[in-house]
Amino acid sequence: MAITPINEEVTFEDAGVKGRPIISKTDLKGKITFVNSAFAKLAGYPKNELIGKPHNIIRHPDMPKAVFKELWDTIEKNQKWRGFVKNLRKDGKYYWVEAFIEPVFDENGTKIGYISARKEVSKEDKEKYESIYREMREKEL
């Protein structure tokens, strides 16, 4: 069932996760294998509704496709990615994060998935990336 976006922001403070890291792990295809409680609270989902789902369950339609192409191109080359992301909550509201994503390797050096840590975005960065992403989306049409 598709979630209809509502133009209402939820902040880290609103969700009760101010100052807490927002952590998730995925398999190599982007399927969620772990979320911490702060991630679940910020996204508005119970943990059990997130595990096994594609990470793009929280993708907001305002996000340009090119951002995620760059993200995947980077992490698939075993490099770290950092960026600003507007996410969609289960209730249709949105929240912004600064995301840090990198590959996870097992004891044999085999890549087994990805881990992402996120933190709160400043008002200035949010305004900057809202403008950048709006321009990017217009070019994608």
N, C-alpha and C. Protein backbone atom coordinates (compact mmCIF):
# COMPACT_ATOMS: atom_id res chain seq x y z
N MET A 1 0.84 -1.18 0.00
CA MET A 1 0.00 0.00 0.00
C MET A 1 0.89 1.24 0.00
N ALA A 2 0.69 2.11 -0.96
CA ALA A 2 1.49 3.33 -1.07
C ALA A 2 1.09 4.33 0.01
N ILE A 3 2.09 5.01 0.52
CA ILE A 3 1.85 6.03 1.53
C ILE A 3 1.73 7.38 0.83
N THR A 4 0.71 8.11 1.18
CA THR A 4 0.52 9.44 0.61
C THR A 4 1.29 10.45 1.45
N PRO A 5 2.26 11.14 0.83
CA PRO A 5 3.04 12.13 1.59
C PRO A 5 2.18 13.28 2.10
N ILE A 6 2.47 13.72 3.31
CA ILE A 6 1.86 14.90 3.92
C ILE A 6 2.97 15.91 4.11
N ASN A 7 2.73 17.15 3.79
CA ASN A 7 3.77 18.18 3.90
C ASN A 7 3.89 18.65 5.35
N GLU A 8 4.31 17.73 6.22
CA GLU A 8 4.50 18.04 7.63
C GLU A 8 5.76 17.34 8.11
N GLU A 9 6.69 18.13 8.63
CA GLU A 9 7.97 17.58 9.07
C GLU A 9 7.89 17.05 10.50
N VAL A 10 8.60 15.96 10.73
CA VAL A 10 8.82 15.43 12.08
C VAL A 10 10.31 15.60 12.36
N THR A 11 10.64 16.28 13.45
CA THR A 11 12.04 16.48 13.81
C THR A 11 12.49 15.35 14.74
N PHE A 12 13.80 15.26 14.95
CA PHE A 12 14.34 14.28 15.89
C PHE A 12 13.72 14.51 17.27
N GLU A 13 13.54 15.78 17.63
CA GLU A 13 12.95 16.11 18.92
C GLU A 13 11.50 15.63 18.99
N ASP A 14 10.72 15.88 17.92
CA ASP A 14 9.32 15.42 17.87
C ASP A 14 9.22 13.92 18.10
N ALA A 15 10.15 13.17 17.51
CA ALA A 15 10.13 11.70 17.58
C ALA A 15 10.76 11.18 18.87
N GLY A 16 11.33 12.07 19.68
CA GLY A 16 11.96 11.64 20.93
C GLY A 16 13.30 10.97 20.74
N VAL A 17 14.02 11.33 19.65
CA VAL A 17 15.32 10.70 19.38
C VAL A 17 16.44 11.73 19.26
N LYS A 18 16.22 12.94 19.76
CA LYS A 18 17.24 14.00 19.66
C LYS A 18 18.53 13.52 20.33
N GLY A 19 19.65 13.68 19.60
CA GLY A 19 20.95 13.29 20.13
C GLY A 19 21.26 11.81 20.03
N ARG A 20 20.34 11.03 19.46
CA ARG A 20 20.57 9.58 19.34
C ARG A 20 20.91 9.23 17.89
N PRO A 21 21.83 8.28 17.70
CA PRO A 21 22.13 7.85 16.33
C PRO A 21 20.97 7.03 15.76
N ILE A 22 20.77 7.17 14.48
CA ILE A 22 19.72 6.44 13.76
C ILE A 22 20.46 5.41 12.92
N ILE A 23 20.31 4.12 13.24
CA ILE A 23 21.12 3.06 12.62
C ILE A 23 20.24 2.05 11.90
N SER A 24 20.70 1.65 10.72
CA SER A 24 20.08 0.52 10.03
C SER A 24 21.16 -0.27 9.31
N LYS A 25 20.86 -1.54 9.07
CA LYS A 25 21.73 -2.40 8.27
C LYS A 25 20.87 -3.06 7.20
N THR A 26 21.49 -3.30 6.04
CA THR A 26 20.78 -3.99 4.96
C THR A 26 21.67 -5.10 4.41
N ASP A 27 21.03 -5.99 3.65
CA ASP A 27 21.80 -6.97 2.89
C ASP A 27 22.32 -6.28 1.63
N LEU A 28 22.94 -7.03 0.76
CA LEU A 28 23.55 -6.45 -0.44
C LEU A 28 22.52 -5.87 -1.42
N LYS A 29 21.28 -6.30 -1.32
CA LYS A 29 20.22 -5.80 -2.22
C LYS A 29 19.44 -4.63 -1.63
N GLY A 30 19.78 -4.24 -0.39
CA GLY A 30 19.08 -3.13 0.23
C GLY A 30 17.89 -3.53 1.08
N LYS A 31 17.77 -4.82 1.39
CA LYS A 31 16.70 -5.29 2.26
C LYS A 31 17.14 -5.09 3.72
N ILE A 32 16.28 -4.51 4.53
CA ILE A 32 16.61 -4.19 5.92
C ILE A 32 16.79 -5.45 6.75
N THR A 33 17.93 -5.52 7.45
CA THR A 33 18.21 -6.65 8.34
C THR A 33 18.25 -6.23 9.81
N PHE A 34 18.39 -4.92 10.06
CA PHE A 34 18.43 -4.41 11.43
C PHE A 34 18.08 -2.93 11.43
N VAL A 35 17.33 -2.51 12.43
CA VAL A 35 17.13 -1.09 12.74
C VAL A 35 17.19 -0.93 14.24
N ASN A 36 17.76 0.18 14.70
CA ASN A 36 17.70 0.43 16.13
C ASN A 36 16.36 1.08 16.47
N SER A 37 16.05 1.17 17.75
CA SER A 37 14.74 1.69 18.15
C SER A 37 14.57 3.15 17.72
N ALA A 38 15.67 3.93 17.71
CA ALA A 38 15.58 5.33 17.29
C ALA A 38 15.17 5.42 15.81
N PHE A 39 15.71 4.53 14.97
CA PHE A 39 15.32 4.51 13.55
C PHE A 39 13.83 4.25 13.44
N ALA A 40 13.34 3.23 14.13
CA ALA A 40 11.93 2.84 14.06
C ALA A 40 11.04 4.00 14.52
N LYS A 41 11.41 4.65 15.61
CA LYS A 41 10.61 5.77 16.12
C LYS A 41 10.58 6.93 15.12
N LEU A 42 11.73 7.28 14.57
CA LEU A 42 11.79 8.39 13.63
C LEU A 42 11.00 8.09 12.36
N ALA A 43 11.07 6.85 11.89
CA ALA A 43 10.36 6.45 10.67
C ALA A 43 8.88 6.17 10.93
N GLY A 44 8.50 6.04 12.21
CA GLY A 44 7.09 5.83 12.53
C GLY A 44 6.60 4.41 12.32
N TYR A 45 7.51 3.44 12.32
CA TYR A 45 7.16 2.03 12.12
C TYR A 45 7.56 1.21 13.35
N PRO A 46 6.82 0.14 13.63
CA PRO A 46 7.36 -0.85 14.57
C PRO A 46 8.53 -1.56 13.88
N LYS A 47 9.53 -1.97 14.64
CA LYS A 47 10.71 -2.63 14.05
C LYS A 47 10.31 -3.80 13.15
N ASN A 48 9.37 -4.62 13.60
CA ASN A 48 9.02 -5.84 12.85
C ASN A 48 8.42 -5.53 11.48
N GLU A 49 7.90 -4.33 11.27
CA GLU A 49 7.38 -3.96 9.95
C GLU A 49 8.48 -3.49 9.01
N LEU A 50 9.67 -3.26 9.53
CA LEU A 50 10.79 -2.81 8.71
C LEU A 50 11.73 -3.94 8.31
N ILE A 51 11.94 -4.89 9.21
CA ILE A 51 12.87 -5.99 8.94
C ILE A 51 12.38 -6.81 7.75
N GLY A 52 13.29 -7.03 6.78
CA GLY A 52 12.94 -7.80 5.59
C GLY A 52 12.38 -6.96 4.45
N LYS A 53 12.09 -5.69 4.72
CA LYS A 53 11.54 -4.81 3.68
C LYS A 53 12.69 -4.10 2.96
N PRO A 54 12.46 -3.67 1.73
CA PRO A 54 13.49 -2.88 1.04
C PRO A 54 13.65 -1.54 1.76
N HIS A 55 14.89 -1.07 1.85
CA HIS A 55 15.14 0.18 2.57
C HIS A 55 14.39 1.35 1.95
N ASN A 56 14.07 1.24 0.67
CA ASN A 56 13.35 2.34 0.02
C ASN A 56 11.89 2.46 0.48
N ILE A 57 11.49 1.65 1.46
CA ILE A 57 10.17 1.79 2.08
C ILE A 57 10.01 3.20 2.66
N ILE A 58 11.15 3.83 3.03
CA ILE A 58 11.09 5.18 3.61
C ILE A 58 11.50 6.26 2.60
N ARG A 59 11.63 5.91 1.34
CA ARG A 59 12.04 6.89 0.33
C ARG A 59 10.92 7.89 0.06
N HIS A 60 11.25 9.16 0.19
CA HIS A 60 10.27 10.21 -0.08
C HIS A 60 10.29 10.52 -1.57
N PRO A 61 9.12 10.75 -2.18
CA PRO A 61 9.09 11.04 -3.62
C PRO A 61 9.78 12.36 -4.00
N ASP A 62 10.05 13.21 -3.03
CA ASP A 62 10.78 14.45 -3.32
C ASP A 62 12.27 14.22 -3.58
N MET A 63 12.77 13.03 -3.27
CA MET A 63 14.19 12.75 -3.46
C MET A 63 14.49 12.45 -4.93
N PRO A 64 15.47 13.13 -5.50
CA PRO A 64 15.84 12.86 -6.90
C PRO A 64 16.43 11.45 -7.05
N LYS A 65 16.09 10.81 -8.16
CA LYS A 65 16.63 9.46 -8.44
C LYS A 65 18.15 9.48 -8.52
N ALA A 66 18.72 10.58 -9.00
CA ALA A 66 20.17 10.67 -9.17
C ALA A 66 20.92 10.55 -7.85
N VAL A 67 20.31 10.98 -6.76
CA VAL A 67 20.97 10.86 -5.45
C VAL A 67 21.17 9.40 -5.10
N PHE A 68 20.13 8.59 -5.32
CA PHE A 68 20.23 7.17 -4.98
C PHE A 68 21.12 6.41 -5.96
N LYS A 69 21.17 6.86 -7.22
CA LYS A 69 22.10 6.24 -8.16
C LYS A 69 23.53 6.48 -7.70
N GLU A 70 23.84 7.72 -7.29
CA GLU A 70 25.18 8.03 -6.79
C GLU A 70 25.48 7.22 -5.53
N LEU A 71 24.52 7.12 -4.63
CA LEU A 71 24.69 6.34 -3.41
C LEU A 71 25.07 4.90 -3.74
N TRP A 72 24.26 4.24 -4.56
CA TRP A 72 24.52 2.83 -4.89
C TRP A 72 25.81 2.66 -5.69
N ASP A 73 26.07 3.55 -6.63
CA ASP A 73 27.34 3.48 -7.39
C ASP A 73 28.53 3.55 -6.45
N THR A 74 28.42 4.36 -5.42
CA THR A 74 29.52 4.56 -4.47
C THR A 74 29.71 3.34 -3.56
N ILE A 75 28.64 2.91 -2.91
CA ILE A 75 28.79 1.81 -1.92
C ILE A 75 29.06 0.47 -2.60
N GLU A 76 28.58 0.30 -3.82
CA GLU A 76 28.88 -0.96 -4.52
C GLU A 76 30.36 -1.06 -4.88
N LYS A 77 31.06 0.08 -4.90
CA LYS A 77 32.51 0.09 -5.15
C LYS A 77 33.28 0.00 -3.82
N ASN A 78 32.58 -0.36 -2.75
CA ASN A 78 33.17 -0.50 -1.40
C ASN A 78 33.67 0.83 -0.85
N GLN A 79 33.05 1.91 -1.26
CA GLN A 79 33.40 3.23 -0.75
C GLN A 79 32.30 3.73 0.18
N LYS A 80 32.65 4.71 1.01
CA LYS A 80 31.69 5.32 1.93
C LYS A 80 30.92 6.42 1.20
N TRP A 81 29.65 6.58 1.58
CA TRP A 81 28.81 7.63 1.00
C TRP A 81 28.25 8.48 2.13
N ARG A 82 28.18 9.78 1.88
CA ARG A 82 27.57 10.70 2.83
C ARG A 82 26.64 11.61 2.05
N GLY A 83 25.44 11.83 2.58
CA GLY A 83 24.51 12.72 1.89
C GLY A 83 23.34 13.10 2.77
N PHE A 84 22.53 13.99 2.23
CA PHE A 84 21.35 14.49 2.93
C PHE A 84 20.12 13.87 2.28
N VAL A 85 19.22 13.34 3.12
CA VAL A 85 18.09 12.57 2.61
C VAL A 85 16.80 12.99 3.30
N LYS A 86 15.78 13.21 2.49
CA LYS A 86 14.43 13.44 3.00
C LYS A 86 13.72 12.09 2.95
N ASN A 87 13.25 11.63 4.10
CA ASN A 87 12.60 10.32 4.20
C ASN A 87 11.11 10.45 4.48
N LEU A 88 10.38 9.40 4.14
CA LEU A 88 8.93 9.34 4.30
C LEU A 88 8.59 8.42 5.46
N ARG A 89 7.84 8.94 6.41
CA ARG A 89 7.38 8.13 7.55
C ARG A 89 6.15 7.31 7.18
N LYS A 90 5.82 6.36 8.01
CA LYS A 90 4.64 5.52 7.78
C LYS A 90 3.37 6.36 7.75
N ASP A 91 3.32 7.44 8.55
CA ASP A 91 2.13 8.28 8.61
C ASP A 91 2.08 9.34 7.49
N GLY A 92 3.08 9.32 6.58
CA GLY A 92 3.08 10.25 5.45
C GLY A 92 3.86 11.52 5.70
N LYS A 93 4.21 11.77 6.96
CA LYS A 93 5.03 12.95 7.27
C LYS A 93 6.46 12.66 6.83
N TYR A 94 7.31 13.68 6.89
CA TYR A 94 8.69 13.50 6.43
C TYR A 94 9.68 13.90 7.50
N TYR A 95 10.93 13.45 7.32
CA TYR A 95 12.02 13.86 8.19
C TYR A 95 13.31 13.86 7.38
N TRP A 96 14.23 14.73 7.75
CA TRP A 96 15.52 14.86 7.08
C TRP A 96 16.61 14.25 7.93
N VAL A 97 17.58 13.62 7.26
CA VAL A 97 18.75 13.08 7.94
C VAL A 97 20.00 13.34 7.11
N GLU A 98 21.12 13.41 7.80
CA GLU A 98 22.42 13.34 7.14
C GLU A 98 22.86 11.91 7.31
N ALA A 99 23.05 11.21 6.21
CA ALA A 99 23.32 9.77 6.24
C ALA A 99 24.78 9.47 5.90
N PHE A 100 25.31 8.50 6.60
CA PHE A 100 26.66 7.98 6.37
C PHE A 100 26.50 6.49 6.13
N ILE A 101 26.85 6.01 4.93
CA ILE A 101 26.62 4.61 4.57
C ILE A 101 27.93 3.99 4.12
N GLU A 102 28.17 2.76 4.57
CA GLU A 102 29.38 2.06 4.14
C GLU A 102 29.13 0.56 4.13
N PRO A 103 29.96 -0.16 3.36
CA PRO A 103 29.83 -1.61 3.28
C PRO A 103 30.23 -2.28 4.60
N VAL A 104 29.68 -3.47 4.82
CA VAL A 104 30.03 -4.31 5.97
C VAL A 104 30.64 -5.60 5.40
N PHE A 105 31.75 -6.02 5.99
CA PHE A 105 32.45 -7.22 5.53
C PHE A 105 32.47 -8.26 6.64
N ASP A 106 32.44 -9.54 6.27
CA ASP A 106 32.57 -10.60 7.27
C ASP A 106 34.05 -10.84 7.58
N GLU A 107 34.32 -11.83 8.43
CA GLU A 107 35.70 -12.09 8.87
C GLU A 107 36.61 -12.54 7.73
N ASN A 108 36.04 -12.98 6.60
CA ASN A 108 36.83 -13.40 5.45
C ASN A 108 37.02 -12.28 4.43
N GLY A 109 36.49 -11.10 4.74
CA GLY A 109 36.63 -9.97 3.83
C GLY A 109 35.58 -9.92 2.74
N THR A 110 34.55 -10.75 2.86
CA THR A 110 33.46 -10.77 1.89
C THR A 110 32.41 -9.73 2.29
N LYS A 111 32.02 -8.91 1.32
CA LYS A 111 30.98 -7.91 1.61
C LYS A 111 29.66 -8.62 1.86
N ILE A 112 29.02 -8.31 2.99
CA ILE A 112 27.76 -8.98 3.34
C ILE A 112 26.58 -8.02 3.44
N GLY A 113 26.84 -6.72 3.34
CA GLY A 113 25.73 -5.77 3.43
C GLY A 113 26.25 -4.37 3.63
N TYR A 114 25.36 -3.52 4.15
CA TYR A 114 25.68 -2.12 4.35
C TYR A 114 25.13 -1.66 5.69
N ILE A 115 25.81 -0.68 6.27
CA ILE A 115 25.33 -0.07 7.51
C ILE A 115 25.22 1.42 7.28
N SER A 116 24.19 2.00 7.87
CA SER A 116 23.99 3.44 7.75
C SER A 116 23.74 4.03 9.13
N ALA A 117 24.45 5.10 9.41
CA ALA A 117 24.21 5.90 10.61
C ALA A 117 23.75 7.27 10.13
N ARG A 118 22.77 7.80 10.81
CA ARG A 118 22.21 9.09 10.42
C ARG A 118 22.17 10.02 11.61
N LYS A 119 22.21 11.31 11.29
CA LYS A 119 22.08 12.31 12.35
C LYS A 119 21.18 13.43 11.87
N GLU A 120 20.83 14.29 12.81
CA GLU A 120 19.95 15.41 12.52
C GLU A 120 20.61 16.38 11.54
N VAL A 121 19.78 17.03 10.74
CA VAL A 121 20.24 17.99 9.73
C VAL A 121 19.98 19.41 10.25
N SER A 122 20.93 20.29 10.02
CA SER A 122 20.73 21.69 10.42
C SER A 122 19.68 22.33 9.51
N LYS A 123 19.08 23.40 10.01
CA LYS A 123 18.08 24.12 9.22
C LYS A 123 18.70 24.63 7.92
N GLU A 124 19.94 25.11 8.00
CA GLU A 124 20.63 25.65 6.81
C GLU A 124 20.85 24.55 5.77
N ASP A 125 21.33 23.38 6.20
CA ASP A 125 21.55 22.28 5.25
C ASP A 125 20.23 21.81 4.65
N LYS A 126 19.19 21.75 5.46
CA LYS A 126 17.88 21.32 4.97
C LYS A 126 17.40 22.26 3.87
N GLU A 127 17.48 23.56 4.12
CA GLU A 127 17.05 24.54 3.12
C GLU A 127 17.90 24.45 1.86
N LYS A 128 19.19 24.28 2.03
CA LYS A 128 20.11 24.16 0.89
C LYS A 128 19.75 22.95 0.03
N TYR A 129 19.55 21.79 0.67
CA TYR A 129 19.28 20.57 -0.12
C TYR A 129 17.85 20.52 -0.63
N GLU A 130 16.90 21.16 0.02
CA GLU A 130 15.56 21.25 -0.55
C GLU A 130 15.63 21.96 -1.90
N SER A 131 16.41 23.02 -1.97
CA SER A 131 16.56 23.79 -3.21
C SER A 131 17.32 22.98 -4.27
N ILE A 132 18.44 22.38 -3.88
CA ILE A 132 19.23 21.57 -4.82
C ILE A 132 18.40 20.42 -5.37
N TYR A 133 17.69 19.72 -4.50
CA TYR A 133 16.91 18.55 -4.93
C TYR A 133 15.72 18.96 -5.80
N ARG A 134 15.12 20.11 -5.53
CA ARG A 134 14.02 20.60 -6.36
C ARG A 134 14.53 20.81 -7.80
N GLU A 135 15.69 21.45 -7.92
CA GLU A 135 16.29 21.65 -9.26
C GLU A 135 16.62 20.32 -9.93
N MET A 136 17.16 19.39 -9.17
CA MET A 136 17.50 18.08 -9.74
C MET A 136 16.25 17.35 -10.23
N ARG A 137 15.16 17.39 -9.45
CA ARG A 137 13.92 16.73 -9.86
C ARG A 137 13.35 17.34 -11.13
N GLU A 138 13.44 18.66 -11.23
CA GLU A 138 12.94 19.33 -12.45
C GLU A 138 13.69 18.87 -13.68
N LYS A 139 14.98 18.60 -13.55
CA LYS A 139 15.77 18.12 -14.67
C LYS A 139 15.49 16.65 -15.00
N GLU A 140 14.97 15.91 -14.02
CA GLU A 140 14.66 14.49 -14.24
C GLU A 140 13.36 14.30 -15.01
N LEU A 141 12.53 15.32 -15.03
CA LEU A 141 11.21 15.20 -15.69
C LEU A 141 11.33 15.17 -17.20
